[in-house]
Each structure stands twice: as structure tokens, then as C-alpha cells.
PDB file of N, CA and C in Angstrom:
ATOM      1  N   MET A   1       0.830  -1.160  -0.010  1.00  0.00           N
ATOM      2  CA  MET A   1      -0.015  -0.006   0.008  1.00  0.00           C
ATOM      3  C   MET A   1       0.851   1.228  -0.022  1.00  0.00           C
ATOM      4  N   THR A   2       0.541   2.188  -0.810  1.00  0.00           N
ATOM      5  CA  THR A   2       1.323   3.442  -0.889  1.00  0.00           C
ATOM      6  C   THR A   2       0.393   4.596  -0.456  1.00  0.00           C
ATOM      7  N   ASN A   3       1.036   5.658  -0.028  1.00  0.00           N
ATOM      8  CA  ASN A   3       0.318   6.799   0.512  1.00  0.00           C
ATOM      9  C   ASN A   3       0.442   8.042  -0.416  1.00  0.00           C
ATOM     10  N   PHE A   4       0.736   7.791  -1.722  1.00  0.00           N
ATOM     11  CA  PHE A   4       0.891   8.958  -2.604  1.00  0.00           C
ATOM     12  C   PHE A   4       0.150   8.731  -3.880  1.00  0.00           C
ATOM     13  N   ILE A   5      -0.116   9.831  -4.555  1.00  0.00           N
ATOM     14  CA  ILE A   5      -0.740   9.832  -5.866  1.00  0.00           C
ATOM     15  C   ILE A   5       0.131  10.595  -6.796  1.00  0.00           C
ATOM     16  N   GLU A   6       0.014  10.315  -8.082  1.00  0.00           N
ATOM     17  CA  GLU A   6       0.820  11.093  -9.077  1.00  0.00           C
ATOM     18  C   GLU A   6       0.336  12.521  -9.103  1.00  0.00           C
ATOM     19  N   HIS A   7       1.268  13.414  -9.233  1.00  0.00           N
ATOM     20  CA  HIS A   7       0.952  14.858  -9.346  1.00  0.00           C
ATOM     21  C   HIS A   7       1.210  15.224 -10.815  1.00  0.00           C
ATOM     22  N   LYS A   8       0.246  15.689 -11.515  1.00  0.00           N
ATOM     23  CA  LYS A   8       0.453  16.053 -12.909  1.00  0.00           C
ATOM     24  C   LYS A   8       1.521  17.093 -13.066  1.00  0.00           C
ATOM     25  N   GLY A   9       2.357  16.930 -14.090  1.00  0.00           N
ATOM     26  CA  GLY A   9       3.354  17.912 -14.383  1.00  0.00           C
ATOM     27  C   GLY A   9       4.775  17.566 -13.963  1.00  0.00           C
ATOM     28  N   GLY A  10       5.082  16.305 -13.837  1.00  0.00           N
ATOM     29  CA  GLY A  10       6.456  15.913 -13.500  1.00  0.00           C
ATOM     30  C   GLY A  10       6.583  14.882 -12.425  1.00  0.00           C
ATOM     31  N   ALA A  11       7.723  14.862 -11.813  1.00  0.00           N
ATOM     32  CA  ALA A  11       8.042  13.798 -10.833  1.00  0.00           C
ATOM     33  C   ALA A  11       7.510  14.140  -9.467  1.00  0.00           C
ATOM     34  N   GLU A  12       7.019  15.334  -9.239  1.00  0.00           N
ATOM     35  CA  GLU A  12       6.418  15.664  -7.893  1.00  0.00           C
ATOM     36  C   GLU A  12       5.221  14.859  -7.662  1.00  0.00           C
ATOM     37  N   ARG A  13       4.976  14.529  -6.374  1.00  0.00           N
ATOM     38  CA  ARG A  13       3.775  13.784  -5.998  1.00  0.00           C
ATOM     39  C   ARG A  13       3.110  14.441  -4.832  1.00  0.00           C
ATOM     40  N   ILE A  14       1.864  14.339  -4.737  1.00  0.00           N
ATOM     41  CA  ILE A  14       1.110  14.738  -3.571  1.00  0.00           C
ATOM     42  C   ILE A  14       1.048  13.529  -2.646  1.00  0.00           C
ATOM     43  N   VAL A  15       1.654  13.767  -1.450  1.00  0.00           N
ATOM     44  CA  VAL A  15       1.785  12.676  -0.460  1.00  0.00           C
ATOM     45  C   VAL A  15       0.929  13.037   0.776  1.00  0.00           C
ATOM     46  N   THR A  16       0.357  11.996   1.403  1.00  0.00           N
ATOM     47  CA  THR A  16      -0.286  12.202   2.682  1.00  0.00           C
ATOM     48  C   THR A  16       0.673  11.738   3.746  1.00  0.00           C
ATOM     49  N   CYS A  17       1.007  12.699   4.624  1.00  0.00           N
ATOM     50  CA  CYS A  17       1.909  12.358   5.755  1.00  0.00           C
ATOM     51  C   CYS A  17       1.352  11.282   6.599  1.00  0.00           C
ATOM     52  N   PRO A  18       2.111  10.189   6.865  1.00  0.00           N
ATOM     53  CA  PRO A  18       1.600   9.091   7.657  1.00  0.00           C
ATOM     54  C   PRO A  18       1.505   9.439   9.134  1.00  0.00           C
ATOM     55  N   VAL A  19       2.103  10.533   9.518  1.00  0.00           N
ATOM     56  CA  VAL A  19       2.078  10.965  10.955  1.00  0.00           C
ATOM     57  C   VAL A  19       0.864  11.809  11.239  1.00  0.00           C
ATOM     58  N   CYS A  20       0.671  12.896  10.507  1.00  0.00           N
ATOM     59  CA  CYS A  20      -0.380  13.858  10.783  1.00  0.00           C
ATOM     60  C   CYS A  20      -1.561  13.803   9.798  1.00  0.00           C
ATOM     61  N   LYS A  21      -1.367  13.080   8.689  1.00  0.00           N
ATOM     62  CA  LYS A  21      -2.391  12.884   7.656  1.00  0.00           C
ATOM     63  C   LYS A  21      -2.633  14.124   6.785  1.00  0.00           C
ATOM     64  N   GLU A  22      -1.747  15.163   6.839  1.00  0.00           N
ATOM     65  CA  GLU A  22      -1.837  16.312   6.021  1.00  0.00           C
ATOM     66  C   GLU A  22      -1.183  15.991   4.614  1.00  0.00           C
ATOM     67  N   SER A  23      -1.695  16.608   3.576  1.00  0.00           N
ATOM     68  CA  SER A  23      -1.127  16.392   2.258  1.00  0.00           C
ATOM     69  C   SER A  23      -0.011  17.452   1.976  1.00  0.00           C
ATOM     70  N   PHE A  24       0.974  17.035   1.239  1.00  0.00           N
ATOM     71  CA  PHE A  24       2.088  17.936   0.873  1.00  0.00           C
ATOM     72  C   PHE A  24       2.672  17.438  -0.430  1.00  0.00           C
ATOM     73  N   ILE A  25       3.541  18.281  -1.019  1.00  0.00           N
ATOM     74  CA  ILE A  25       4.190  17.915  -2.279  1.00  0.00           C
ATOM     75  C   ILE A  25       5.550  17.381  -2.013  1.00  0.00           C
ATOM     76  N   CYS A  26       5.845  16.190  -2.533  1.00  0.00           N
ATOM     77  CA  CYS A  26       7.161  15.582  -2.441  1.00  0.00           C
ATOM     78  C   CYS A  26       7.810  15.698  -3.794  1.00  0.00           C
ATOM     79  N   GLY A  27       9.026  16.317  -3.845  1.00  0.00           N
ATOM     80  CA  GLY A  27       9.719  16.516  -5.114  1.00  0.00           C
ATOM     81  C   GLY A  27      10.434  15.281  -5.642  1.00  0.00           C
ATOM     82  N   LEU A  28      10.624  14.257  -4.835  1.00  0.00           N
ATOM     83  CA  LEU A  28      11.293  13.020  -5.279  1.00  0.00           C
ATOM     84  C   LEU A  28      12.653  13.274  -5.922  1.00  0.00           C
ATOM     85  N   SER A  29      13.366  14.284  -5.434  1.00  0.00           N
ATOM     86  CA  SER A  29      14.662  14.620  -6.073  1.00  0.00           C
ATOM     87  C   SER A  29      15.499  15.423  -5.116  1.00  0.00           C
ATOM     88  N   SER A  30      16.706  15.752  -5.548  1.00  0.00           N
ATOM     89  CA  SER A  30      17.598  16.559  -4.698  1.00  0.00           C
ATOM     90  C   SER A  30      17.125  18.015  -4.624  1.00  0.00           C
ATOM     91  N   THR A  31      16.104  18.383  -5.355  1.00  0.00           N
ATOM     92  CA  THR A  31      15.588  19.707  -5.238  1.00  0.00           C
ATOM     93  C   THR A  31      14.346  19.828  -4.354  1.00  0.00           C
ATOM     94  N   CYS A  32      13.923  18.705  -3.780  1.00  0.00           N
ATOM     95  CA  CYS A  32      12.786  18.674  -2.861  1.00  0.00           C
ATOM     96  C   CYS A  32      13.136  19.484  -1.625  1.00  0.00           C
ATOM     97  N   TRP A  33      12.146  20.031  -0.966  1.00  0.00           N
ATOM     98  CA  TRP A  33      12.334  20.808   0.315  1.00  0.00           C
ATOM     99  C   TRP A  33      13.152  19.980   1.331  1.00  0.00           C
ATOM    100  N   CYS A  34      13.012  18.670   1.373  1.00  0.00           N
ATOM    101  CA  CYS A  34      13.646  17.872   2.380  1.00  0.00           C
ATOM    102  C   CYS A  34      15.155  17.733   2.153  1.00  0.00           C
ATOM    103  N   ALA A  35      15.596  18.034   0.879  1.00  0.00           N
ATOM    104  CA  ALA A  35      17.046  17.911   0.620  1.00  0.00           C
ATOM    105  C   ALA A  35      17.811  18.969   1.367  1.00  0.00           C
ATOM    106  N   ASN A  36      17.185  19.991   1.834  1.00  0.00           N
ATOM    107  CA  ASN A  36      17.856  21.076   2.572  1.00  0.00           C
ATOM    108  C   ASN A  36      17.824  20.830   4.085  1.00  0.00           C
ATOM    109  N   LYS A  37      17.308  19.725   4.488  1.00  0.00           N
ATOM    110  CA  LYS A  37      17.286  19.445   5.929  1.00  0.00           C
ATOM    111  C   LYS A  37      18.427  18.535   6.341  1.00  0.00           C
ATOM    112  N   LYS A  38      18.998  18.791   7.527  1.00  0.00           N
ATOM    113  CA  LYS A  38      20.017  17.940   8.103  1.00  0.00           C
ATOM    114  C   LYS A  38      19.297  17.018   9.090  1.00  0.00           C
ATOM    115  N   VAL A  39      19.078  15.819   8.744  1.00  0.00           N
ATOM    116  CA  VAL A  39      18.325  14.864   9.578  1.00  0.00           C
ATOM    117  C   VAL A  39      19.317  13.940  10.276  1.00  0.00           C
ATOM    118  N   PRO A  40      19.297  13.964  11.632  1.00  0.00           N
ATOM    119  CA  PRO A  40      20.170  13.058  12.329  1.00  0.00           C
ATOM    120  C   PRO A  40      19.935  11.609  11.982  1.00  0.00           C
ATOM    121  N   ALA A  41      20.970  10.812  12.046  1.00  0.00           N
ATOM    122  CA  ALA A  41      20.918   9.398  11.708  1.00  0.00           C
ATOM    123  C   ALA A  41      19.855   8.675  12.504  1.00  0.00           C
ATOM    124  N   GLU A  42      19.719   8.978  13.803  1.00  0.00           N
ATOM    125  CA  GLU A  42      18.714   8.304  14.588  1.00  0.00           C
ATOM    126  C   GLU A  42      17.318   8.586  14.121  1.00  0.00           C
ATOM    127  N   VAL A  43      17.092   9.798  13.593  1.00  0.00           N
ATOM    128  CA  VAL A  43      15.777  10.165  13.119  1.00  0.00           C
ATOM    129  C   VAL A  43      15.510   9.419  11.812  1.00  0.00           C
ATOM    130  N   LYS A  44      16.521   9.391  10.930  1.00  0.00           N
ATOM    131  CA  LYS A  44      16.368   8.634   9.658  1.00  0.00           C
ATOM    132  C   LYS A  44      16.033   7.180   9.939  1.00  0.00           C
ATOM    133  N   GLU A  45      16.741   6.553  10.899  1.00  0.00           N
ATOM    134  CA  GLU A  45      16.531   5.144  11.195  1.00  0.00           C
ATOM    135  C   GLU A  45      15.119   4.956  11.769  1.00  0.00           C
ATOM    136  N   TYR A  46      14.685   5.866  12.685  1.00  0.00           N
ATOM    137  CA  TYR A  46      13.375   5.771  13.276  1.00  0.00           C
ATOM    138  C   TYR A  46      12.264   5.843  12.188  1.00  0.00           C
ATOM    139  N   LEU A  47      12.378   6.803  11.324  1.00  0.00           N
ATOM    140  CA  LEU A  47      11.401   7.008  10.282  1.00  0.00           C
ATOM    141  C   LEU A  47      11.378   5.805   9.307  1.00  0.00           C
ATOM    142  N   ALA A  48      12.560   5.312   8.922  1.00  0.00           N
ATOM    143  CA  ALA A  48      12.619   4.206   7.985  1.00  0.00           C
ATOM    144  C   ALA A  48      12.017   2.910   8.558  1.00  0.00           C
ATOM    145  N   GLU A  49      12.101   2.714   9.824  1.00  0.00           N
ATOM    146  CA  GLU A  49      11.540   1.568  10.490  1.00  0.00           C
ATOM    147  C   GLU A  49      10.038   1.666  10.563  1.00  0.00           C
ATOM    148  N   ARG A  50       9.453   2.831  10.536  1.00  0.00           N
ATOM    149  CA  ARG A  50       8.044   2.994  10.809  1.00  0.00           C
ATOM    150  C   ARG A  50       7.134   3.392   9.626  1.00  0.00           C
ATOM    151  N   TYR A  51       7.779   4.075   8.640  1.00  0.00           N
ATOM    152  CA  TYR A  51       6.955   4.590   7.562  1.00  0.00           C
ATOM    153  C   TYR A  51       7.515   4.191   6.173  1.00  0.00           C
ATOM    154  N   GLU A  52       6.620   4.034   5.251  1.00  0.00           N
ATOM    155  CA  GLU A  52       6.972   3.612   3.928  1.00  0.00           C
ATOM    156  C   GLU A  52       7.116   4.755   2.930  1.00  0.00           C
ATOM    157  N   THR A  53       6.762   5.982   3.387  1.00  0.00           N
ATOM    158  CA  THR A  53       6.771   7.137   2.518  1.00  0.00           C
ATOM    159  C   THR A  53       7.294   8.345   3.270  1.00  0.00           C
ATOM    160  N   CYS A  54       7.434   9.445   2.585  1.00  0.00           N
ATOM    161  CA  CYS A  54       7.905  10.658   3.196  1.00  0.00           C
ATOM    162  C   CYS A  54       6.923  11.197   4.272  1.00  0.00           C
ATOM    163  N   ILE A  55       7.455  12.006   5.141  1.00  0.00           N
ATOM    164  CA  ILE A  55       6.562  12.718   6.087  1.00  0.00           C
ATOM    165  C   ILE A  55       6.688  14.233   5.776  1.00  0.00           C
ATOM    166  N   CYS A  56       5.714  15.008   6.242  1.00  0.00           N
ATOM    167  CA  CYS A  56       5.697  16.403   5.920  1.00  0.00           C
ATOM    168  C   CYS A  56       6.764  17.196   6.632  1.00  0.00           C
ATOM    169  N   SER A  57       6.990  18.406   6.221  1.00  0.00           N
ATOM    170  CA  SER A  57       8.024  19.273   6.770  1.00  0.00           C
ATOM    171  C   SER A  57       7.755  19.557   8.267  1.00  0.00           C
ATOM    172  N   THR A  58       6.538  19.791   8.596  1.00  0.00           N
ATOM    173  CA  THR A  58       6.200  20.032  10.023  1.00  0.00           C
ATOM    174  C   THR A  58       6.558  18.854  10.887  1.00  0.00           C
ATOM    175  N   CYS A  59       6.183  17.708  10.477  1.00  0.00           N
ATOM    176  CA  CYS A  59       6.458  16.488  11.272  1.00  0.00           C
ATOM    177  C   CYS A  59       7.947  16.200  11.322  1.00  0.00           C
ATOM    178  N   LEU A  60       8.625  16.369  10.173  1.00  0.00           N
ATOM    179  CA  LEU A  60      10.052  16.129  10.086  1.00  0.00           C
ATOM    180  C   LEU A  60      10.742  17.118  11.028  1.00  0.00           C
ATOM    181  N   ASP A  61      10.437  18.373  11.011  1.00  0.00           N
ATOM    182  CA  ASP A  61      11.000  19.330  11.915  1.00  0.00           C
ATOM    183  C   ASP A  61      10.761  18.989  13.387  1.00  0.00           C
ATOM    184  N   ARG A  62       9.595  18.429  13.660  1.00  0.00           N
ATOM    185  CA  ARG A  62       9.311  18.076  15.051  1.00  0.00           C
ATOM    186  C   ARG A  62      10.234  16.904  15.472  1.00  0.00           C
ATOM    187  N   PHE A  63      10.427  15.926  14.618  1.00  0.00           N
ATOM    188  CA  PHE A  63      11.262  14.764  14.909  1.00  0.00           C
ATOM    189  C   PHE A  63      12.732  15.244  15.114  1.00  0.00           C
ATOM    190  N   ILE A  64      13.154  16.140  14.258  1.00  0.00           N
ATOM    191  CA  ILE A  64      14.545  16.694  14.318  1.00  0.00           C
ATOM    192  C   ILE A  64      14.686  17.399  15.659  1.00  0.00           C
ATOM    193  N   GLU A  65      13.684  18.250  15.993  1.00  0.00           N
ATOM    194  CA  GLU A  65      13.716  19.007  17.238  1.00  0.00           C
ATOM    195  C   GLU A  65      13.783  18.069  18.448  1.00  0.00           C
ATOM    196  N   GLN A  66      12.953  17.029  18.428  1.00  0.00           N
ATOM    197  CA  GLN A  66      12.927  16.084  19.507  1.00  0.00           C
ATOM    198  C   GLN A  66      14.291  15.358  19.642  1.00  0.00           C
ATOM    199  N   ALA A  67      15.000  15.210  18.567  1.00  0.00           N
ATOM    200  CA  ALA A  67      16.332  14.605  18.670  1.00  0.00           C
ATOM    201  C   ALA A  67      17.358  15.576  19.197  1.00  0.00           C
ATOM    202  N   GLY A  68      16.953  16.896  19.259  1.00  0.00           N
ATOM    203  CA  GLY A  68      17.819  17.867  19.861  1.00  0.00           C
ATOM    204  C   GLY A  68      18.766  18.549  18.912  1.00  0.00           C
ATOM    205  N   THR A  69      18.546  18.397  17.595  1.00  0.00           N
ATOM    206  CA  THR A  69      19.509  18.981  16.664  1.00  0.00           C
ATOM    207  C   THR A  69      18.781  19.658  15.498  1.00  0.00           C
ATOM    208  N   VAL A  70      18.134  20.736  15.716  1.00  0.00           N
ATOM    209  CA  VAL A  70      17.445  21.437  14.673  1.00  0.00           C
ATOM    210  C   VAL A  70      18.506  22.162  13.787  1.00  0.00           C
ATOM    211  N   GLU A  71      18.655  21.724  12.557  1.00  0.00           N
ATOM    212  CA  GLU A  71      19.665  22.274  11.604  1.00  0.00           C
ATOM    213  C   GLU A  71      19.116  22.353  10.236  1.00  0.00           C
ATOM    214  N   THR A  72      19.517  23.296   9.419  1.00  0.00           N
ATOM    215  CA  THR A  72      19.215  23.319   8.005  1.00  0.00           C
ATOM    216  C   THR A  72      20.522  23.437   7.286  1.00  0.00           C
ATOM    217  N   ALA A  73      20.545  22.914   6.042  1.00  0.00           N
ATOM    218  CA  ALA A  73      21.778  22.994   5.222  1.00  0.00           C
ATOM    219  C   ALA A  73      21.904  24.331   4.618  1.00  0.00           C
TER     220      ALA A  73
END
């Protein structure tokens, strides 16, 4: 089961965040908003173990903050 649908006009997709259920655009590339985030290894591992798709910026920021290392590239 996937949580995304194709977004017309390219590789971007509209994704439903598995954490908060809000919809957001995933760029599926190095130009996506998430490419500018520094995500600690423990957060990456935690998310990979629990979710099959991307999470939204708000939720990702919350996980990074909870890990104690809010950073942007």
C-alpha cells in the first residue's frame, strides 16, 4: 500500500503524511524541500523503520527538534 498519488506535471507527487495525515508535495529529487534538511541518523532510522513514505516538513522538523539537533543545510 502506498500513500501517494501522481501529481500532474512531473516527478512531484502529492503525499499524505503518515504521521499527521496532511497532504504535501514531495519533489522526489535533490531539489525537494527535504534535501535542505540535516536529519540526524537516529531520526532517519526511526522513520525508515516505521513509515514507507515521506513525512511532511512540520512532522520532520518536530522529529529533528525532539532529537535535539534542529539544523538546516
